[in-house]
PDB file of N, CA and C in Angstrom:
ATOM      1  N   UNK A   1     130.148 104.582 100.625  1.00  0.00           N
ATOM      2  CA  UNK A   1     129.766 105.873 101.207  1.00  0.00           C
ATOM      3  C   UNK A   1     129.901 106.918  99.738  1.00  0.00           C
ATOM      4  N   UNK A   2     128.620 107.543 100.018  1.00  0.00           N
ATOM      5  CA  UNK A   2     128.201 108.333  98.740  1.00  0.00           C
ATOM      6  C   UNK A   2     128.843 109.800  98.920  1.00  0.00           C
ATOM      7  N   UNK A   3     129.203 110.264  97.737  1.00  0.00           N
ATOM      8  CA  UNK A   3     129.884 111.789  97.699  1.00  0.00           C
ATOM      9  C   UNK A   3     128.870 112.379  97.259  1.00  0.00           C
ATOM     10  N   UNK A   4     127.817 112.532  96.756  1.00  0.00           N
ATOM     11  CA  UNK A   4     126.656 113.362  96.363  1.00  0.00           C
ATOM     12  C   UNK A   4     126.089 113.731  97.633  1.00  0.00           C
ATOM     13  N   UNK A   5     125.299 114.867  97.407  1.00  0.00           N
ATOM     14  CA  UNK A   5     124.346 115.321  98.861  1.00  0.00           C
ATOM     15  C   UNK A   5     123.355 114.671  98.964  1.00  0.00           C
ATOM     16  N   UNK A   6     122.455 114.780  97.847  1.00  0.00           N
ATOM     17  CA  UNK A   6     121.113 113.737  97.814  1.00  0.00           C
ATOM     18  C   UNK A   6     121.567 112.320  97.856  1.00  0.00           C
ATOM     19  N   UNK A   7     122.648 111.650  97.794  1.00  0.00           N
ATOM     20  CA  UNK A   7     122.729 110.310  98.017  1.00  0.00           C
ATOM     21  C   UNK A   7     122.928 110.101  99.460  1.00  0.00           C
ATOM     22  N   UNK A   8     123.534 110.794 100.242  1.00  0.00           N
ATOM     23  CA  UNK A   8     123.876 111.105 101.021  1.00  0.00           C
ATOM     24  C   UNK A   8     122.626 110.974 102.182  1.00  0.00           C
ATOM     25  N   UNK A   9     121.763 112.058 102.030  1.00  0.00           N
ATOM     26  CA  UNK A   9     120.286 112.260 102.348  1.00  0.00           C
ATOM     27  C   UNK A   9     119.893 110.972 102.323  1.00  0.00           C
ATOM     28  N   UNK A  10     119.374 110.553 100.737  1.00  0.00           N
ATOM     29  CA  UNK A  10     118.798 109.039 101.041  1.00  0.00           C
ATOM     30  C   UNK A  10     119.349 107.817 101.747  1.00  0.00           C
ATOM     31  N   UNK A  11     120.677 107.868 101.913  1.00  0.00           N
ATOM     32  CA  UNK A  11     121.195 106.733 102.949  1.00  0.00           C
ATOM     33  C   UNK A  11     120.292 107.295 104.723  1.00  0.00           C
ATOM     34  N   UNK A  12     120.351 108.502 104.444  1.00  0.00           N
ATOM     35  CA  UNK A  12     119.919 109.096 106.224  1.00  0.00           C
ATOM     36  C   UNK A  12     118.304 108.305 106.093  1.00  0.00           C
ATOM     37  N   UNK A  13     117.670 108.781 105.276  1.00  0.00           N
ATOM     38  CA  UNK A  13     116.308 108.629 104.938  1.00  0.00           C
ATOM     39  C   UNK A  13     115.925 106.949 105.170  1.00  0.00           C
ATOM     40  N   UNK A  14     116.515 106.166 104.487  1.00  0.00           N
ATOM     41  CA  UNK A  14     116.340 104.936 104.248  1.00  0.00           C
ATOM     42  C   UNK A  14     116.632 104.330 105.838  1.00  0.00           C
ATOM     43  N   UNK A  15     117.859 104.653 106.446  1.00  0.00           N
ATOM     44  CA  UNK A  15     118.075 103.949 107.680  1.00  0.00           C
ATOM     45  C   UNK A  15     117.119 104.570 108.572  1.00  0.00           C
ATOM     46  N   UNK A  16     116.589 105.781 108.676  1.00  0.00           N
ATOM     47  CA  UNK A  16     115.500 105.881 109.333  1.00  0.00           C
ATOM     48  C   UNK A  16     114.520 105.157 109.430  1.00  0.00           C
ATOM     49  N   UNK A  17     114.157 105.166 107.942  1.00  0.00           N
ATOM     50  CA  UNK A  17     112.685 104.576 107.986  1.00  0.00           C
ATOM     51  C   UNK A  17     112.588 103.063 108.026  1.00  0.00           C
ATOM     52  N   UNK A  18     113.781 102.000 107.710  1.00  0.00           N
ATOM     53  CA  UNK A  18     114.226 101.139 108.407  1.00  0.00           C
ATOM     54  C   UNK A  18     114.179 100.692 109.582  1.00  0.00           C
ATOM     55  N   UNK A  19     114.424 101.555 110.308  1.00  0.00           N
ATOM     56  CA  UNK A  19     114.395 101.324 112.078  1.00  0.00           C
ATOM     57  C   UNK A  19     112.917 101.850 112.093  1.00  0.00           C
ATOM     58  N   UNK A  20     112.155 102.463 111.478  1.00  0.00           N
ATOM     59  CA  UNK A  20     110.836 102.151 112.086  1.00  0.00           C
ATOM     60  C   UNK A  20     110.075 101.358 111.830  1.00  0.00           C
ATOM     61  N   UNK A  21     110.203 100.868 110.620  1.00  0.00           N
ATOM     62  CA  UNK A  21     109.729  99.422 109.914  1.00  0.00           C
ATOM     63  C   UNK A  21     110.285  98.422 110.689  1.00  0.00           C
ATOM     64  N   UNK A  22     111.174  98.222 111.386  1.00  0.00           N
ATOM     65  CA  UNK A  22     111.984  97.293 112.053  1.00  0.00           C
ATOM     66  C   UNK A  22     110.989  97.071 113.854  1.00  0.00           C
ATOM     67  N   UNK A  23     110.684  98.755 114.384  1.00  0.00           N
ATOM     68  CA  UNK A  23     110.149  98.770 115.872  1.00  0.00           C
ATOM     69  C   UNK A  23     108.793  98.083 115.408  1.00  0.00           C
ATOM     70  N   UNK A  24     107.914  98.586 114.253  1.00  0.00           N
ATOM     71  CA  UNK A  24     107.009  98.065 114.262  1.00  0.00           C
ATOM     72  C   UNK A  24     106.460  96.787 113.659  1.00  0.00           C
ATOM     73  N   UNK A  25     107.884  96.249 113.313  1.00  0.00           N
ATOM     74  CA  UNK A  25     107.428  94.477 112.753  1.00  0.00           C
ATOM     75  C   UNK A  25     107.618  93.664 114.449  1.00  0.00           C
ATOM     76  N   UNK A  26     108.488  94.365 115.151  1.00  0.00           N
ATOM     77  CA  UNK A  26     108.812  93.893 116.727  1.00  0.00           C
ATOM     78  C   UNK A  26     107.523  94.122 117.273  1.00  0.00           C
ATOM     79  N   UNK A  27     106.980  95.403 117.319  1.00  0.00           N
ATOM     80  CA  UNK A  27     105.547  95.651 118.018  1.00  0.00           C
ATOM     81  C   UNK A  27     104.671  94.454 117.216  1.00  0.00           C
ATOM     82  N   UNK A  28     104.225  94.045 116.144  1.00  0.00           N
ATOM     83  CA  UNK A  28     103.401  93.137 115.566  1.00  0.00           C
ATOM     84  C   UNK A  28     103.668  91.712 115.780  1.00  0.00           C
ATOM     85  N   UNK A  29     105.010  91.364 115.877  1.00  0.00           N
ATOM     86  CA  UNK A  29     105.029  90.204 116.459  1.00  0.00           C
ATOM     87  C   UNK A  29     105.024  89.820 117.756  1.00  0.00           C
ATOM     88  N   UNK A  30     105.015  90.926 118.847  1.00  0.00           N
ATOM     89  CA  UNK A  30     104.741  90.749 120.058  1.00  0.00           C
ATOM     90  C   UNK A  30     103.341  90.638 120.343  1.00  0.00           C
ATOM     91  N   UNK A  31     102.634  91.662 119.669  1.00  0.00           N
ATOM     92  CA  UNK A  31     100.933  91.311 119.951  1.00  0.00           C
ATOM     93  C   UNK A  31     100.266  89.724 119.156  1.00  0.00           C
ATOM     94  N   UNK A  32     101.303  89.264 118.485  1.00  0.00           N
ATOM     95  CA  UNK A  32     100.810  87.974 117.734  1.00  0.00           C
ATOM     96  C   UNK A  32     101.444  86.945 118.690  1.00  0.00           C
ATOM     97  N   UNK A  33     102.522  86.857 119.417  1.00  0.00           N
ATOM     98  CA  UNK A  33     102.788  86.019 120.292  1.00  0.00           C
ATOM     99  C   UNK A  33     101.623  86.206 121.790  1.00  0.00           C
ATOM    100  N   UNK A  34     101.247  87.418 122.430  1.00  0.00           N
ATOM    101  CA  UNK A  34     100.104  87.578 123.066  1.00  0.00           C
ATOM    102  C   UNK A  34      99.021  86.757 122.394  1.00  0.00           C
ATOM    103  N   UNK A  35      98.764  86.799 121.422  1.00  0.00           N
ATOM    104  CA  UNK A  35      97.402  86.260 121.000  1.00  0.00           C
ATOM    105  C   UNK A  35      97.555  84.756 120.955  1.00  0.00           C
ATOM    106  N   UNK A  36      98.476  84.029 120.371  1.00  0.00           N
ATOM    107  CA  UNK A  36      99.015  82.805 120.063  1.00  0.00           C
ATOM    108  C   UNK A  36      99.074  82.000 122.120  1.00  0.00           C
ATOM    109  N   UNK A  37      99.389  83.209 123.138  1.00  0.00           N
ATOM    110  CA  UNK A  37      99.797  82.409 124.139  1.00  0.00           C
ATOM    111  C   UNK A  37      98.024  82.436 124.925  1.00  0.00           C
ATOM    112  N   UNK A  38      97.300  83.315 124.604  1.00  0.00           N
ATOM    113  CA  UNK A  38      95.835  83.286 124.962  1.00  0.00           C
ATOM    114  C   UNK A  38      95.143  81.942 124.332  1.00  0.00           C
ATOM    115  N   UNK A  39      95.592  81.842 123.164  1.00  0.00           N
ATOM    116  CA  UNK A  39      94.936  80.400 122.880  1.00  0.00           C
ATOM    117  C   UNK A  39      95.042  79.215 123.388  1.00  0.00           C
ATOM    118  N   UNK A  40      96.463  79.504 123.768  1.00  0.00           N
ATOM    119  CA  UNK A  40      97.545  78.099 124.049  1.00  0.00           C
ATOM    120  C   UNK A  40      96.671  77.866 125.843  1.00  0.00           C
ATOM    121  N   UNK A  41      96.383  79.347 126.139  1.00  0.00           N
ATOM    122  CA  UNK A  41      95.795  79.101 127.473  1.00  0.00           C
ATOM    123  C   UNK A  41      94.425  78.922 127.721  1.00  0.00           C
ATOM    124  N   UNK A  42      93.790  78.794 126.426  1.00  0.00           N
ATOM    125  CA  UNK A  42      92.401  78.729 126.669  1.00  0.00           C
ATOM    126  C   UNK A  42      91.302  79.623 127.063  1.00  0.00           C
ATOM    127  N   UNK A  43      91.893  80.885 126.985  1.00  0.00           N
ATOM    128  CA  UNK A  43      91.115  81.975 127.846  1.00  0.00           C
ATOM    129  C   UNK A  43      90.408  82.874 126.592  1.00  0.00           C
ATOM    130  N   UNK A  44      89.300  82.409 126.536  1.00  0.00           N
ATOM    131  CA  UNK A  44      88.649  83.061 125.797  1.00  0.00           C
ATOM    132  C   UNK A  44      88.055  84.534 125.391  1.00  0.00           C
ATOM    133  N   UNK A  45      87.720  84.969 126.553  1.00  0.00           N
ATOM    134  CA  UNK A  45      87.871  86.307 126.686  1.00  0.00           C
ATOM    135  C   UNK A  45      89.203  87.459 126.142  1.00  0.00           C
ATOM    136  N   UNK A  46      90.367  86.759 126.863  1.00  0.00           N
ATOM    137  CA  UNK A  46      91.593  87.403 126.402  1.00  0.00           C
ATOM    138  C   UNK A  46      92.178  87.180 125.324  1.00  0.00           C
ATOM    139  N   UNK A  47      91.817  86.185 124.672  1.00  0.00           N
ATOM    140  CA  UNK A  47      91.891  85.585 123.238  1.00  0.00           C
ATOM    141  C   UNK A  47      90.942  86.536 122.106  1.00  0.00           C
ATOM    142  N   UNK A  48      90.177  86.836 122.428  1.00  0.00           N
ATOM    143  CA  UNK A  48      89.140  87.918 121.735  1.00  0.00           C
ATOM    144  C   UNK A  48      89.801  89.321 121.936  1.00  0.00           C
ATOM    145  N   UNK A  49      90.245  89.625 123.260  1.00  0.00           N
ATOM    146  CA  UNK A  49      90.791  91.105 122.788  1.00  0.00           C
ATOM    147  C   UNK A  49      91.733  91.084 122.242  1.00  0.00           C
ATOM    148  N   UNK A  50      92.921  90.480 122.183  1.00  0.00           N
ATOM    149  CA  UNK A  50      94.302  90.125 121.601  1.00  0.00           C
ATOM    150  C   UNK A  50      94.066  90.108 120.112  1.00  0.00           C
ATOM    151  N   UNK A  51      93.248  88.899 119.595  1.00  0.00           N
ATOM    152  CA  UNK A  51      92.625  88.718 118.112  1.00  0.00           C
ATOM    153  C   UNK A  51      92.329  90.417 117.603  1.00  0.00           C
ATOM    154  N   UNK A  52      91.422  91.274 117.963  1.00  0.00           N
ATOM    155  CA  UNK A  52      90.751  92.768 117.621  1.00  0.00           C
ATOM    156  C   UNK A  52      92.275  93.399 117.685  1.00  0.00           C
ATOM    157  N   UNK A  53      93.349  93.186 118.834  1.00  0.00           N
ATOM    158  CA  UNK A  53      94.702  94.307 118.536  1.00  0.00           C
ATOM    159  C   UNK A  53      95.219  93.480 117.507  1.00  0.00           C
ATOM    160  N   UNK A  54      95.431  92.387 117.266  1.00  0.00           N
ATOM    161  CA  UNK A  54      96.501  91.737 116.496  1.00  0.00           C
ATOM    162  C   UNK A  54      95.675  91.981 114.744  1.00  0.00           C
ATOM    163  N   UNK A  55      94.903  92.009 114.758  1.00  0.00           N
ATOM    164  CA  UNK A  55      94.417  92.013 113.416  1.00  0.00           C
ATOM    165  C   UNK A  55      94.446  93.646 112.856  1.00  0.00           C
ATOM    166  N   UNK A  56      94.288  94.526 114.062  1.00  0.00           N
ATOM    167  CA  UNK A  56      94.191  95.799 113.239  1.00  0.00           C
ATOM    168  C   UNK A  56      95.596  96.333 113.541  1.00  0.00           C
ATOM    169  N   UNK A  57      96.584  95.595 114.104  1.00  0.00           N
ATOM    170  CA  UNK A  57      98.141  95.974 113.803  1.00  0.00           C
ATOM    171  C   UNK A  57      98.617  95.254 112.473  1.00  0.00           C
ATOM    172  N   UNK A  58      98.061  94.105 112.139  1.00  0.00           N
ATOM    173  CA  UNK A  58      98.222  93.583 110.675  1.00  0.00           C
ATOM    174  C   UNK A  58      97.642  94.535 109.846  1.00  0.00           C
ATOM    175  N   UNK A  59      96.576  95.010 110.196  1.00  0.00           N
ATOM    176  CA  UNK A  59      96.242  95.875 108.907  1.00  0.00           C
ATOM    177  C   UNK A  59      96.794  97.064 108.799  1.00  0.00           C
ATOM    178  N   UNK A  60      97.183  97.827 109.955  1.00  0.00           N
ATOM    179  CA  UNK A  60      98.262  98.493 109.438  1.00  0.00           C
ATOM    180  C   UNK A  60      99.603  98.527 109.329  1.00  0.00           C
ATOM    181  N   UNK A  61      99.854  97.104 109.112  1.00  0.00           N
ATOM    182  CA  UNK A  61     101.220  96.815 108.371  1.00  0.00           C
ATOM    183  C   UNK A  61     101.119  96.863 107.091  1.00  0.00           C
ATOM    184  N   UNK A  62      99.577  96.569 106.253  1.00  0.00           N
ATOM    185  CA  UNK A  62      99.601  96.233 105.256  1.00  0.00           C
ATOM    186  C   UNK A  62      99.318  97.727 104.652  1.00  0.00           C
ATOM    187  N   UNK A  63      98.868  98.650 105.731  1.00  0.00           N
ATOM    188  CA  UNK A  63      98.731 100.036 104.913  1.00  0.00           C
ATOM    189  C   UNK A  63     100.090 100.866 104.981  1.00  0.00           C
ATOM    190  N   UNK A  64     100.824 100.675 105.701  1.00  0.00           N
ATOM    191  CA  UNK A  64     102.694 100.892 105.709  1.00  0.00           C
ATOM    192  C   UNK A  64     103.102 100.010 104.468  1.00  0.00           C
ATOM    193  N   UNK A  65     102.622  99.134 104.232  1.00  0.00           N
ATOM    194  CA  UNK A  65     103.812  98.715 103.144  1.00  0.00           C
ATOM    195  C   UNK A  65     104.562  97.552 104.069  1.00  0.00           C
ATOM    196  N   UNK A  66     104.382  97.342 105.076  1.00  0.00           N
ATOM    197  CA  UNK A  66     105.112  95.856 105.684  1.00  0.00           C
ATOM    198  C   UNK A  66     104.760  94.817 105.355  1.00  0.00           C
ATOM    199  N   UNK A  67     103.936  94.723 105.136  1.00  0.00           N
ATOM    200  CA  UNK A  67     103.186  93.043 104.901  1.00  0.00           C
ATOM    201  C   UNK A  67     102.536  93.609 103.931  1.00  0.00           C
ATOM    202  N   UNK A  68     102.657  92.212 102.752  1.00  0.00           N
ATOM    203  CA  UNK A  68     101.579  91.889 101.701  1.00  0.00           C
ATOM    204  C   UNK A  68     100.308  91.847 102.021  1.00  0.00           C
ATOM    205  N   UNK A  69      98.870  91.944 101.217  1.00  0.00           N
ATOM    206  CA  UNK A  69      97.957  92.199 101.746  1.00  0.00           C
ATOM    207  C   UNK A  69      97.213  90.570 102.004  1.00  0.00           C
ATOM    208  N   UNK A  70      98.408  90.192 100.711  1.00  0.00           N
ATOM    209  CA  UNK A  70      97.846  88.226 100.788  1.00  0.00           C
ATOM    210  C   UNK A  70      98.485  87.666 102.141  1.00  0.00           C
ATOM    211  N   UNK A  71      99.987  87.886 102.441  1.00  0.00           N
ATOM    212  CA  UNK A  71     100.187  87.583 103.443  1.00  0.00           C
ATOM    213  C   UNK A  71      99.050  87.862 104.809  1.00  0.00           C
ATOM    214  N   UNK A  72      98.885  89.110 105.149  1.00  0.00           N
ATOM    215  CA  UNK A  72      98.164  89.511 106.122  1.00  0.00           C
ATOM    216  C   UNK A  72      96.306  88.927 106.012  1.00  0.00           C
ATOM    217  N   UNK A  73      96.303  88.688 104.960  1.00  0.00           N
ATOM    218  CA  UNK A  73      94.939  87.830 104.844  1.00  0.00           C
ATOM    219  C   UNK A  73      94.809  86.534 105.227  1.00  0.00           C
ATOM    220  N   UNK A  74      96.173  85.802 104.812  1.00  0.00           N
ATOM    221  CA  UNK A  74      96.326  84.303 105.514  1.00  0.00           C
ATOM    222  C   UNK A  74      96.739  84.576 107.011  1.00  0.00           C
ATOM    223  N   UNK A  75      97.312  85.691 107.812  1.00  0.00           N
ATOM    224  CA  UNK A  75      97.562  85.343 109.005  1.00  0.00           C
ATOM    225  C   UNK A  75      96.187  85.383 109.746  1.00  0.00           C
ATOM    226  N   UNK A  76      95.293  87.026 109.101  1.00  0.00           N
ATOM    227  CA  UNK A  76      94.346  86.779 110.033  1.00  0.00           C
ATOM    228  C   UNK A  76      93.050  85.756 109.713  1.00  0.00           C
ATOM    229  N   UNK A  77      93.010  84.920 108.503  1.00  0.00           N
ATOM    230  CA  UNK A  77      92.451  83.929 108.396  1.00  0.00           C
ATOM    231  C   UNK A  77      92.536  82.907 109.314  1.00  0.00           C
ATOM    232  N   UNK A  78      93.823  82.543 109.772  1.00  0.00           N
ATOM    233  CA  UNK A  78      94.611  81.770 110.450  1.00  0.00           C
ATOM    234  C   UNK A  78      94.207  82.039 111.932  1.00  0.00           C
ATOM    235  N   UNK A  79      94.265  83.207 112.414  1.00  0.00           N
ATOM    236  CA  UNK A  79      93.955  83.567 113.644  1.00  0.00           C
ATOM    237  C   UNK A  79      92.366  83.512 113.918  1.00  0.00           C
ATOM    238  N   UNK A  80      91.720  83.535 112.952  1.00  0.00           N
ATOM    239  CA  UNK A  80      90.097  83.519 113.048  1.00  0.00           C
ATOM    240  C   UNK A  80      89.604  82.195 112.927  1.00  0.00           C
ATOM    241  N   UNK A  81      90.192  80.993 112.369  1.00  0.00           N
ATOM    242  CA  UNK A  81      90.283  79.702 112.528  1.00  0.00           C
ATOM    243  C   UNK A  81      90.579  79.346 114.026  1.00  0.00           C
ATOM    244  N   UNK A  82      91.593  79.572 114.469  1.00  0.00           N
ATOM    245  CA  UNK A  82      92.194  79.455 116.074  1.00  0.00           C
ATOM    246  C   UNK A  82      90.995  80.084 116.649  1.00  0.00           C
ATOM    247  N   UNK A  83      90.639  81.071 116.843  1.00  0.00           N
ATOM    248  CA  UNK A  83      89.938  81.580 117.880  1.00  0.00           C
ATOM    249  C   UNK A  83      88.304  81.054 117.774  1.00  0.00           C
ATOM    250  N   UNK A  84      87.744  80.663 116.432  1.00  0.00           N
ATOM    251  CA  UNK A  84      86.636  79.622 116.217  1.00  0.00           C
ATOM    252  C   UNK A  84      87.095  78.370 116.890  1.00  0.00           C
ATOM    253  N   UNK A  85      87.876  77.764 116.924  1.00  0.00           N
ATOM    254  CA  UNK A  85      87.963  76.446 116.994  1.00  0.00           C
ATOM    255  C   UNK A  85      87.937  76.186 118.863  1.00  0.00           C
ATOM    256  N   UNK A  86      88.206  77.260 119.294  1.00  0.00           N
ATOM    257  CA  UNK A  86      88.333  77.482 120.968  1.00  0.00           C
ATOM    258  C   UNK A  86      86.240  77.309 121.395  1.00  0.00           C
ATOM    259  N   UNK A  87      85.739  77.509 120.436  1.00  0.00           N
ATOM    260  CA  UNK A  87      84.110  77.548 120.780  1.00  0.00           C
ATOM    261  C   UNK A  87      83.550  76.455 121.143  1.00  0.00           C
TER     262      UNK A  87
END
């Protein structure tokens, strides 16, 4: 445990940010699972809607620094391929 006041504050701030990032990651994973479920079900309309939401959430994750931009590009490319394969 830190003794210095600023170090104590940093611990609190870091914990708060880590919690916020954890919540965001959980939401992102849930959205991705919904997209995968729509693809598996073969429902093109639902998959298209889920695709838009998933891509938006992934872009937000890059902006927040939760995902690396190349990782996000890989995920979005994979999603696009799956969606186009349904047609």
